[in-house]
C-alpha atoms as a PDB file:
ATOM      1  CA  MET A   1      98.981 124.202 103.487  1.00  0.00           C
ATOM      2  CA  ALA A   2      97.029 121.535 101.444  1.00  0.00           C
ATOM      3  CA  ASN A   3      95.366 119.601 104.422  1.00  0.00           C
ATOM      4  CA  ILE A   4      92.399 121.634 105.912  1.00  0.00           C
ATOM      5  CA  ILE A   5      90.791 119.953 108.997  1.00  0.00           C
ATOM      6  CA  SER A   6      87.233 120.661 109.286  1.00  0.00           C
ATOM      7  CA  ASP A   7      85.378 121.388 112.686  1.00  0.00           C
ATOM      8  CA  GLU A   8      83.275 118.246 112.497  1.00  0.00           C
ATOM      9  CA  THR A   9      86.672 116.411 112.177  1.00  0.00           C
ATOM     10  CA  MET A  10      87.992 117.883 115.177  1.00  0.00           C
ATOM     11  CA  GLU A  11      84.988 117.283 117.185  1.00  0.00           C
ATOM     12  CA  TYR A  12      85.045 113.649 116.099  1.00  0.00           C
ATOM     13  CA  VAL A  13      88.675 113.398 116.947  1.00  0.00           C
ATOM     14  CA  GLY A  14      87.955 114.841 120.453  1.00  0.00           C
ATOM     15  CA  ILE A  15      85.266 112.276 120.920  1.00  0.00           C
ATOM     16  CA  LEU A  16      87.434 109.430 120.048  1.00  0.00           C
ATOM     17  CA  ALA A  17      90.261 110.556 122.353  1.00  0.00           C
ATOM     18  CA  LYS A  18      87.658 111.517 124.926  1.00  0.00           C
ATOM     19  CA  LEU A  19      88.985 114.929 125.444  1.00  0.00           C
ATOM     20  CA  GLU A  20      87.312 118.279 126.052  1.00  0.00           C
ATOM     21  CA  LEU A  21      89.329 121.107 124.548  1.00  0.00           C
ATOM     22  CA  SER A  22      88.624 124.845 124.683  1.00  0.00           C
ATOM     23  CA  LEU A  23      88.475 126.815 121.485  1.00  0.00           C
ATOM     24  CA  GLU A  24      92.029 127.782 121.814  1.00  0.00           C
ATOM     25  CA  GLU A  25      93.300 124.134 122.421  1.00  0.00           C
ATOM     26  CA  LYS A  26      91.105 123.097 119.412  1.00  0.00           C
ATOM     27  CA  GLU A  27      92.804 125.366 117.171  1.00  0.00           C
ATOM     28  CA  ALA A  28      96.264 124.648 118.299  1.00  0.00           C
ATOM     29  CA  ALA A  29      95.422 120.898 117.829  1.00  0.00           C
ATOM     30  CA  ARG A  30      94.083 121.666 114.221  1.00  0.00           C
ATOM     31  CA  HIS A  31      97.073 123.651 113.374  1.00  0.00           C
ATOM     32  CA  ASP A  32      99.469 120.711 114.666  1.00  0.00           C
ATOM     33  CA  MET A  33      97.577 118.101 112.905  1.00  0.00           C
ATOM     34  CA  GLU A  34      97.416 120.003 109.691  1.00  0.00           C
ATOM     35  CA  ARG A  35     101.393 120.477 109.977  1.00  0.00           C
ATOM     36  CA  MET A  36     101.719 116.697 110.638  1.00  0.00           C
ATOM     37  CA  LEU A  37      99.567 115.818 107.446  1.00  0.00           C
ATOM     38  CA  ASP A  38     101.394 118.217 105.435  1.00  0.00           C
ATOM     39  CA  TYR A  39     104.628 116.586 106.549  1.00  0.00           C
ATOM     40  CA  ILE A  40     103.380 113.116 105.580  1.00  0.00           C
ATOM     41  CA  ASP A  41     102.459 114.509 102.125  1.00  0.00           C
ATOM     42  CA  LYS A  42     105.838 115.832 101.763  1.00  0.00           C
ATOM     43  CA  LEU A  43     107.460 112.470 102.626  1.00  0.00           C
ATOM     44  CA  ASN A  44     105.116 110.798 100.087  1.00  0.00           C
ATOM     45  CA  GLU A  45     106.908 112.816  97.478  1.00  0.00           C
ATOM     46  CA  LEU A  46     110.090 111.038  98.149  1.00  0.00           C
ATOM     47  CA  ASP A  47     111.217 108.064  95.552  1.00  0.00           C
ATOM     48  CA  THR A  48     111.577 105.143  97.724  1.00  0.00           C
ATOM     49  CA  SER A  49     111.414 102.634  94.931  1.00  0.00           C
ATOM     50  CA  GLY A  50     115.033 101.354  95.623  1.00  0.00           C
ATOM     51  CA  VAL A  51     114.580 101.249  99.501  1.00  0.00           C
ATOM     52  CA  GLU A  52     113.917  97.960 101.310  1.00  0.00           C
ATOM     53  CA  PRO A  53     111.512  98.055 103.953  1.00  0.00           C
ATOM     54  CA  MET A  54     112.812  97.573 107.407  1.00  0.00           C
ATOM     55  CA  SER A  55     111.778  96.815 110.793  1.00  0.00           C
ATOM     56  CA  HIS A  56     114.520  98.576 112.765  1.00  0.00           C
ATOM     57  CA  ILE A  57     117.135 101.262 111.918  1.00  0.00           C
ATOM     58  CA  PHE A  58     119.790  98.950 113.240  1.00  0.00           C
ATOM     59  CA  PRO A  59     120.645  95.508 111.790  1.00  0.00           C
ATOM     60  CA  VAL A  60     119.127  93.260 114.596  1.00  0.00           C
ATOM     61  CA  ASP A  61     119.688  89.540 114.620  1.00  0.00           C
ATOM     62  CA  ASN A  62     117.681  87.006 116.834  1.00  0.00           C
ATOM     63  CA  VAL A  63     118.782  88.089 120.198  1.00  0.00           C
ATOM     64  CA  PHE A  64     116.958  85.507 122.188  1.00  0.00           C
ATOM     65  CA  ARG A  65     118.584  82.763 123.841  1.00  0.00           C
ATOM     66  CA  GLU A  66     117.952  78.880 123.248  1.00  0.00           C
ATOM     67  CA  ASP A  67     115.067  77.805 125.453  1.00  0.00           C
ATOM     68  CA  VAL A  68     116.998  75.222 127.765  1.00  0.00           C
ATOM     69  CA  VAL A  69     115.458  73.573 130.704  1.00  0.00           C
ATOM     70  CA  THR A  70     117.838  74.339 133.463  1.00  0.00           C
ATOM     71  CA  ASN A  71     115.744  73.189 136.604  1.00  0.00           C
ATOM     72  CA  GLY A  72     114.201  69.930 135.321  1.00  0.00           C
ATOM     73  CA  ASP A  73     111.339  67.921 136.599  1.00  0.00           C
ATOM     74  CA  ASP A  74     111.299  68.668 140.336  1.00  0.00           C
ATOM     75  CA  ARG A  75     107.626  67.742 140.678  1.00  0.00           C
ATOM     76  CA  GLU A  76     108.003  65.948 144.128  1.00  0.00           C
ATOM     77  CA  ASN A  77     109.435  69.105 145.870  1.00  0.00           C
ATOM     78  CA  ILE A  78     106.825  71.354 144.125  1.00  0.00           C
ATOM     79  CA  LEU A  79     103.968  69.213 145.271  1.00  0.00           C
ATOM     80  CA  LYS A  80     105.319  69.338 148.756  1.00  0.00           C
ATOM     81  CA  ASN A  81     103.936  72.826 149.088  1.00  0.00           C
ATOM     82  CA  ALA A  82     100.618  71.885 147.881  1.00  0.00           C
ATOM     83  CA  PRO A  83      97.729  71.563 150.474  1.00  0.00           C
ATOM     84  CA  GLU A  84      96.235  68.692 148.580  1.00  0.00           C
ATOM     85  CA  GLN A  85      97.442  66.827 145.497  1.00  0.00           C
ATOM     86  CA  LYS A  86      95.893  64.289 143.226  1.00  0.00           C
ATOM     87  CA  ASP A  87      97.602  62.212 140.498  1.00  0.00           C
ATOM     88  CA  GLY A  88     100.998  64.063 140.737  1.00  0.00           C
ATOM     89  CA  ALA A  89      99.152  67.438 140.463  1.00  0.00           C
ATOM     90  CA  PHE A  90      97.746  70.305 142.598  1.00  0.00           C
ATOM     91  CA  LYS A  91      94.310  69.683 143.601  1.00  0.00           C
ATOM     92  CA  VAL A  92      92.118  72.835 143.823  1.00  0.00           C
ATOM     93  CA  PRO A  93      88.377  73.398 144.515  1.00  0.00           C
ATOM     94  CA  LYS A  94      85.951  73.134 141.648  1.00  0.00           C
ATOM     95  CA  THR A  95      85.156  76.825 140.327  1.00  0.00           C
ATOM     96  CA  VAL A  96      82.892  76.092 137.504  1.00  0.00           C
ATOM     97  CA  GLU A  97      79.548  74.186 137.658  1.00  0.00           C
END
């Protein structure tokens, strides 16, 4: 095990995560964190010089549809629901002085 996590680091992580852990829970969390860091170190040993970075494991193209207006400008019908209107818009009470 190359990665050793100190008591101070565990306390700091607990404060950041807003966790109150018992001694047994702290030791279990320390062991888990050390194992994770060891695994990351092992991954860093891999030669990735020929591997292109990717954002997704599957080839994903733009899956968004075109932004096409389907309902048009129906301002008159929309403003029929307004309690008050002014210059083709909803009139609302002033909220900022």
